[in-house]
Amino acid sequence: MPSRPEEDAARRDFTVNGLFYDPAAEKTIDYVGGEKDIKARLIRTIGNPRDRFSEDKLRLIRAVRFASTLDFQIESETWNTVKEMASEITKVSKERIRDELIKIFTRAHAGRGLELLAESGLLAEILPEVYAMRGCEQSPEYHPEGDVFIHTKMLLDKLHEPSTTLAFSALLHDVGKPPTFKRDGDKIHFYEHDRVGAEMTRKIMERLRFSNKEIEAVVASVENHMRFMNVQVMREGKLKNFLSRETLPEELELHRIDCESSHGKLDNYEFLRQKLRQYKEEELKPKPLINGDDLIGAGLSPGPIMGKVLHETYEWQLEGKFQTKEDALKWAKERWSQL
């Protein structure tokens, strides 16, 4: 037997989600006070907050998502219950948590979403590595904006309808800073935080059951984000290799908002934009002159050295050192002997 509309509304999570529309009469039907809360810009549970959150603990994160995306406040009793029950979010499947996080960080006001997750206690439960950014100092010379958490929030606020890859690259690009923090007198260092952060990112995204493709893309962004400081001194072949990677467009946007959220210098960003325009006139990623079969045919054995030789040969090819397959093969055999 079908339930009555008012009974259906009472089972929903928040008042702003409990409205009905009568198309015949062209009017909204409100059994739960949703219209009033929309006008007041409030997120409030329907009925007792503990009852609603106990029915589905994912609603704890959904409260944050609605508040951040809509730029609403969370009603005080609802908010206090979110904080009291935050530890119970761990009973929800990782996949459902992941999907809510994606909606928070790829939509408007993502930085506020991060802030609400932290203040509610939810962030410490589901992303303790990100929560650890709070209070992690940075050098004022390069980061006048404040600690790592503030910096990350600023990046998220600069996103505009980002892909999942870009959103989580922004969220996790400095996740390696807290564990690598080192103070040397007045100086603060984060040695190899990009490498450490990439390893942490892989574990975090595997834990949240992201696809392999999304994991690899975000790990690449985190691992490479510090390489942008050296682009103007890269050899042409290395630079072309750097620019021809599939993840470059989102990494470049990450670099831009990373700079804008710290020291504000965009010289490397503009340099790369100019190079991309320049290289449009030529093939950025030509077919390699030689491959592994060619080296094996020349009597060389497969192994790690072969991969290194092929990579270096290709970089020199991009710089115009070789015009023929024979020249490339000759150089590769000489390089093999050196290694």
Protein backbone atom coordinates (compact mmCIF):
# COMPACT_ATOMS: atom_id res chain seq x y z
CA MET A 1 0.00 0.00 0.00
CA PRO A 2 1.58 3.34 -1.02
CA SER A 3 2.48 5.77 1.75
CA ARG A 4 1.01 9.22 2.03
CA PRO A 5 3.17 12.18 0.86
CA GLU A 6 3.55 13.52 4.39
CA GLU A 7 4.84 10.13 5.57
CA ASP A 8 7.28 10.03 2.66
CA ALA A 9 8.52 13.52 3.50
CA ALA A 10 9.06 12.57 7.15
CA ARG A 11 11.47 9.81 6.10
CA ARG A 12 13.74 12.12 4.14
CA ASP A 13 16.98 13.61 5.50
CA PHE A 14 16.83 17.42 5.44
CA THR A 15 13.95 19.87 5.22
CA VAL A 16 15.31 21.38 2.01
CA ASN A 17 14.99 17.88 0.49
CA GLY A 18 11.47 17.27 1.76
CA LEU A 19 9.48 19.43 -0.65
CA PHE A 20 6.98 18.18 -3.22
CA TYR A 21 5.65 19.84 -6.36
CA ASP A 22 2.13 19.53 -7.71
CA PRO A 23 2.43 20.08 -11.50
CA ALA A 24 -1.34 20.23 -11.98
CA ALA A 25 -1.77 22.98 -9.43
CA GLU A 26 1.71 24.40 -10.18
CA LYS A 27 2.54 24.79 -6.51
CA THR A 28 5.04 23.53 -3.96
CA ILE A 29 3.80 21.31 -1.12
CA ASP A 30 5.77 21.61 2.10
CA TYR A 31 5.10 19.28 5.06
CA VAL A 32 8.43 19.83 6.84
CA GLY A 33 9.21 23.56 6.82
CA GLY A 34 11.65 23.31 3.93
CA GLU A 35 10.60 26.57 2.28
CA LYS A 36 11.22 28.49 5.48
CA ASP A 37 14.69 26.94 5.85
CA ILE A 38 15.57 27.70 2.22
CA LYS A 39 14.69 31.35 2.82
CA ALA A 40 16.76 31.30 6.02
CA ARG A 41 19.58 29.43 4.18
CA LEU A 42 19.61 26.64 6.76
CA ILE A 43 20.32 22.91 6.59
CA ARG A 44 18.15 21.17 9.20
CA THR A 45 17.23 17.51 9.61
CA ILE A 46 13.60 16.49 9.40
CA GLY A 47 12.71 15.60 12.98
CA ASN A 48 15.29 14.49 15.53
CA PRO A 49 18.86 14.81 14.12
CA ARG A 50 20.16 11.71 15.89
CA ASP A 51 17.30 9.62 14.50
CA ARG A 52 17.92 10.84 10.93
CA PHE A 53 21.68 10.32 11.11
CA SER A 54 21.29 6.91 12.74
CA GLU A 55 19.12 5.78 9.82
CA ASP A 56 21.97 6.51 7.41
CA LYS A 57 25.26 7.80 8.74
CA LEU A 58 26.30 9.05 5.32
CA ARG A 59 23.91 11.91 6.04
CA LEU A 60 26.60 13.32 8.35
CA ILE A 61 28.70 14.16 5.28
CA ARG A 62 25.64 15.09 3.22
CA ALA A 63 24.86 17.84 5.74
CA VAL A 64 28.30 19.31 5.05
CA ARG A 65 27.87 18.91 1.29
CA PHE A 66 24.54 20.72 1.17
CA ALA A 67 25.82 23.49 3.44
CA SER A 68 29.00 24.08 1.45
CA THR A 69 27.58 23.76 -2.07
CA LEU A 70 24.52 25.92 -1.33
CA ASP A 71 26.51 28.23 0.98
CA PHE A 72 23.97 27.64 3.77
CA GLN A 73 24.50 27.39 7.51
CA ILE A 74 23.80 24.17 9.41
CA GLU A 75 21.12 24.60 12.07
CA SER A 76 22.67 24.42 15.57
CA GLU A 77 21.04 21.19 16.83
CA THR A 78 21.80 19.46 13.54
CA TRP A 79 25.40 20.73 13.59
CA ASN A 80 26.00 19.68 17.19
CA THR A 81 24.72 16.19 16.39
CA VAL A 82 27.03 15.96 13.37
CA LYS A 83 29.97 16.70 15.66
CA GLU A 84 28.78 14.25 18.34
CA MET A 85 28.34 11.42 15.82
CA ALA A 86 31.32 12.16 13.55
CA SER A 87 33.25 9.05 14.62
CA GLU A 88 30.40 6.85 13.36
CA ILE A 89 31.09 7.84 9.75
CA THR A 90 33.64 5.00 9.65
CA LYS A 91 30.72 2.53 9.56
CA VAL A 92 29.80 3.77 6.07
CA SER A 93 31.31 2.07 3.01
CA LYS A 94 34.38 3.72 1.51
CA GLU A 95 32.69 3.95 -1.88
CA ARG A 96 29.77 6.01 -0.55
CA ILE A 97 32.12 8.31 1.37
CA ARG A 98 34.24 8.76 -1.76
CA ASP A 99 31.22 9.77 -3.82
CA GLU A 100 30.17 12.42 -1.29
CA LEU A 101 33.71 13.80 -1.14
CA ILE A 102 33.80 14.07 -4.92
CA LYS A 103 30.57 16.09 -4.84
CA ILE A 104 31.96 18.38 -2.13
CA PHE A 105 35.28 19.09 -3.83
CA THR A 106 34.09 19.41 -7.44
CA ARG A 107 31.29 21.86 -6.72
CA ALA A 108 31.03 25.46 -5.55
CA HIS A 109 32.58 26.52 -2.22
CA ALA A 110 34.83 23.44 -1.98
CA GLY A 111 37.14 25.26 0.43
CA ARG A 112 34.27 25.82 2.85
CA GLY A 113 33.41 22.15 2.49
CA LEU A 114 36.94 21.26 3.63
CA GLU A 115 36.62 23.66 6.56
CA LEU A 116 33.27 22.21 7.67
CA LEU A 117 34.60 18.66 7.41
CA ALA A 118 37.47 19.65 9.69
CA GLU A 119 35.34 21.55 12.23
CA SER A 120 32.79 18.73 12.43
CA GLY A 121 35.40 16.06 13.19
CA LEU A 122 34.56 14.16 10.01
CA LEU A 123 37.85 15.01 8.27
CA ALA A 124 39.91 13.50 11.09
CA GLU A 125 37.98 10.26 10.66
CA ILE A 126 38.01 9.88 6.88
CA LEU A 127 41.10 11.86 5.79
CA PRO A 128 43.41 12.12 8.83
CA GLU A 129 46.33 12.88 6.49
CA VAL A 130 44.56 16.05 5.32
CA TYR A 131 43.46 16.96 8.84
CA ALA A 132 47.16 16.89 9.82
CA MET A 133 47.71 19.96 7.60
CA ARG A 134 46.03 22.14 10.24
CA GLY A 135 48.69 24.13 12.06
CA CYS A 136 51.51 22.84 9.82
CA GLU A 137 53.58 26.02 9.41
CA GLN A 138 55.12 27.17 6.14
CA SER A 139 57.82 29.71 5.31
CA PRO A 140 56.20 33.20 5.19
CA GLU A 141 58.59 34.07 2.36
CA TYR A 142 56.87 31.62 0.02
CA HIS A 143 53.54 31.16 1.80
CA PRO A 144 52.36 34.44 3.35
CA GLU A 145 48.82 33.01 3.36
CA GLY A 146 49.46 30.74 6.37
CA ASP A 147 49.68 27.05 7.17
CA VAL A 148 49.27 24.11 4.78
CA PHE A 149 45.56 23.72 5.54
CA ILE A 150 44.80 27.37 4.77
CA HIS A 151 46.82 27.11 1.55
CA THR A 152 44.92 23.99 0.49
CA LYS A 153 41.57 25.60 1.27
CA MET A 154 42.53 28.57 -0.91
CA LEU A 155 43.33 26.25 -3.83
CA LEU A 156 39.98 24.54 -3.51
CA ASP A 157 38.19 27.89 -3.50
CA LYS A 158 39.87 28.80 -6.80
CA LEU A 159 38.53 25.74 -8.60
CA HIS A 160 35.75 26.22 -11.14
CA GLU A 161 33.80 23.09 -12.07
CA PRO A 162 36.96 20.94 -11.84
CA SER A 163 37.34 17.32 -12.80
CA THR A 164 37.72 14.80 -10.01
CA THR A 165 41.42 14.57 -10.90
CA LEU A 166 42.03 18.30 -10.53
CA ALA A 167 39.95 18.60 -7.34
CA PHE A 168 41.79 15.79 -5.56
CA SER A 169 45.15 16.98 -6.90
CA ALA A 170 44.46 20.33 -5.24
CA LEU A 171 43.31 18.63 -2.04
CA LEU A 172 46.32 16.31 -1.80
CA HIS A 173 49.19 18.14 -3.52
CA ASP A 174 50.79 19.10 -0.18
CA VAL A 175 49.64 16.10 1.87
CA GLY A 176 53.31 15.12 2.23
CA LYS A 177 54.24 18.32 4.07
CA PRO A 178 53.20 17.44 7.64
CA PRO A 179 55.29 14.23 7.78
CA THR A 180 58.31 15.94 6.15
CA PHE A 181 58.20 19.17 8.19
CA LYS A 182 61.67 20.24 9.33
CA ARG A 183 62.73 23.47 11.01
CA ASP A 184 66.31 24.68 10.56
CA GLY A 185 66.70 27.86 12.58
CA ASP A 186 64.39 30.39 10.95
CA LYS A 187 63.92 28.21 7.89
CA ILE A 188 61.18 25.64 7.31
CA HIS A 189 61.78 22.76 4.90
CA PHE A 190 59.68 19.95 3.45
CA TYR A 191 62.31 17.78 1.79
CA GLU A 192 60.84 15.37 -0.79
CA HIS A 193 57.29 16.20 0.24
CA ASP A 194 56.25 15.71 -3.39
CA ARG A 195 57.54 12.12 -3.45
CA VAL A 196 56.18 11.33 0.02
CA GLY A 197 52.89 13.00 -0.86
CA ALA A 198 52.55 10.90 -4.02
CA GLU A 199 52.97 7.71 -1.98
CA MET A 200 50.41 8.91 0.56
CA THR A 201 48.02 9.95 -2.20
CA ARG A 202 48.09 6.48 -3.71
CA LYS A 203 47.22 4.89 -0.35
CA ILE A 204 44.45 7.42 0.35
CA MET A 205 42.81 6.97 -3.03
CA GLU A 206 43.12 3.19 -2.91
CA ARG A 207 41.49 3.30 0.53
CA LEU A 208 38.59 5.30 -0.93
CA ARG A 209 38.26 2.85 -3.84
CA PHE A 210 39.01 5.27 -6.68
CA SER A 211 39.58 3.82 -10.13
CA ASN A 212 43.14 3.01 -11.19
CA LYS A 213 43.01 5.70 -13.87
CA GLU A 214 42.00 8.40 -11.36
CA ILE A 215 44.63 7.23 -8.89
CA GLU A 216 47.44 7.36 -11.46
CA ALA A 217 46.40 10.82 -12.67
CA VAL A 218 46.25 12.36 -9.19
CA VAL A 219 49.47 10.65 -8.06
CA ALA A 220 51.22 12.08 -11.15
CA SER A 221 49.96 15.59 -10.33
CA VAL A 222 51.16 15.38 -6.73
CA GLU A 223 54.50 13.88 -7.70
CA ASN A 224 55.19 16.43 -10.43
CA HIS A 225 53.89 19.64 -8.89
CA MET A 226 57.34 20.78 -7.74
CA ARG A 227 58.92 20.15 -11.16
CA PHE A 228 57.29 23.29 -12.51
CA MET A 229 59.88 25.45 -10.76
CA ASN A 230 62.58 24.06 -13.09
CA VAL A 231 60.82 24.26 -16.47
CA GLN A 232 62.72 27.33 -17.66
CA VAL A 233 66.09 25.57 -17.28
CA MET A 234 65.05 22.19 -18.72
CA ARG A 235 66.72 20.96 -21.92
CA GLU A 236 64.35 21.22 -24.85
CA GLY A 237 63.93 17.45 -25.13
CA LYS A 238 63.11 17.09 -21.45
CA LEU A 239 60.71 20.03 -21.67
CA LYS A 240 58.91 18.54 -24.66
CA ASN A 241 58.58 15.25 -22.79
CA PHE A 242 57.18 17.15 -19.81
CA LEU A 243 54.64 18.99 -21.97
CA SER A 244 53.50 15.93 -23.92
CA ARG A 245 52.23 14.01 -20.89
CA GLU A 246 48.51 13.22 -20.78
CA THR A 247 48.12 14.76 -17.31
CA LEU A 248 49.76 18.09 -18.25
CA PRO A 249 46.56 20.23 -18.68
CA GLU A 250 45.33 19.56 -15.15
CA GLU A 251 48.83 19.74 -13.67
CA LEU A 252 49.29 23.13 -15.31
CA GLU A 253 46.03 24.41 -13.82
CA LEU A 254 47.07 23.03 -10.42
CA HIS A 255 50.36 24.92 -10.77
CA ARG A 256 48.52 28.15 -11.55
CA ILE A 257 46.20 28.05 -8.54
CA ASP A 258 49.07 26.79 -6.34
CA CYS A 259 51.08 29.92 -7.21
CA GLU A 260 48.08 32.24 -6.88
CA SER A 261 47.41 30.81 -3.42
CA SER A 262 50.96 31.46 -2.21
CA HIS A 263 53.69 33.75 -3.64
CA GLY A 264 51.61 34.86 -6.64
CA LYS A 265 54.38 34.46 -9.25
CA LEU A 266 53.17 33.04 -12.57
CA ASP A 267 56.35 33.32 -14.66
CA ASN A 268 56.74 29.54 -15.07
CA TYR A 269 53.06 29.19 -15.92
CA GLU A 270 53.27 31.87 -18.63
CA PHE A 271 56.51 30.32 -19.95
CA LEU A 272 54.79 26.96 -20.41
CA ARG A 273 51.74 28.53 -22.02
CA GLN A 274 54.05 30.25 -24.52
CA LYS A 275 55.91 27.00 -25.21
CA LEU A 276 52.66 25.12 -25.79
CA ARG A 277 51.64 27.73 -28.36
CA GLN A 278 55.06 27.50 -29.99
CA TYR A 279 55.06 23.71 -30.17
CA LYS A 280 51.60 23.62 -31.76
CA GLU A 281 53.39 24.46 -34.99
CA GLU A 282 55.34 21.18 -34.83
CA GLU A 283 54.68 17.66 -33.63
CA LEU A 284 55.18 17.66 -29.88
CA LYS A 285 55.34 13.89 -29.56
CA PRO A 286 56.86 12.30 -32.70
CA LYS A 287 57.32 8.55 -33.05
CA PRO A 288 60.63 7.38 -31.49
CA LEU A 289 63.33 6.62 -34.07
CA ILE A 290 64.28 3.42 -32.23
CA ASN A 291 62.61 1.00 -29.83
CA GLY A 292 63.52 -1.97 -27.65
CA ASP A 293 63.47 -4.40 -30.54
CA ASP A 294 66.08 -2.30 -32.33
CA LEU A 295 68.39 -2.45 -29.30
CA ILE A 296 67.89 -6.19 -28.90
CA GLY A 297 68.64 -6.60 -32.61
CA ALA A 298 71.88 -4.72 -32.02
CA GLY A 299 72.86 -7.30 -29.40
CA LEU A 300 71.82 -5.45 -26.23
CA SER A 301 70.00 -7.20 -23.39
CA PRO A 302 66.57 -6.16 -22.01
CA GLY A 303 66.55 -4.62 -18.54
CA PRO A 304 66.43 -1.33 -16.60
CA ILE A 305 69.39 0.12 -18.53
CA MET A 306 67.55 -0.37 -21.80
CA GLY A 307 64.62 1.71 -20.57
CA LYS A 308 66.95 4.49 -19.47
CA VAL A 309 68.81 4.48 -22.79
CA LEU A 310 65.57 4.61 -24.78
CA HIS A 311 64.27 7.50 -22.66
CA GLU A 312 67.48 9.52 -23.09
CA THR A 313 67.66 8.75 -26.80
CA TYR A 314 64.12 10.01 -27.26
CA GLU A 315 64.85 13.24 -25.36
CA TRP A 316 67.83 13.91 -27.63
CA GLN A 317 65.65 13.10 -30.64
CA LEU A 318 63.20 15.79 -29.47
CA GLU A 319 66.09 18.24 -29.36
CA GLY A 320 66.99 17.46 -32.98
CA LYS A 321 70.25 15.61 -32.26
CA PHE A 322 69.26 12.71 -34.54
CA GLN A 323 67.72 12.83 -37.97
CA THR A 324 67.94 9.14 -38.81
CA LYS A 325 67.37 5.82 -37.12
CA GLU A 326 71.01 4.89 -37.71
CA ASP A 327 72.27 7.96 -35.85
CA ALA A 328 69.95 7.31 -32.92
CA LEU A 329 70.97 3.64 -32.72
CA LYS A 330 74.67 4.51 -32.82
CA TRP A 331 74.27 6.98 -29.94
CA ALA A 332 72.17 4.52 -27.92
CA LYS A 333 74.85 1.80 -28.22
CA GLU A 334 77.53 4.26 -27.05
CA ARG A 335 75.36 5.35 -24.13
CA TRP A 336 74.75 1.69 -23.25
CA SER A 337 78.50 1.11 -23.01
CA GLN A 338 78.88 4.14 -20.70
CA LEU A 339 76.18 2.84 -18.34
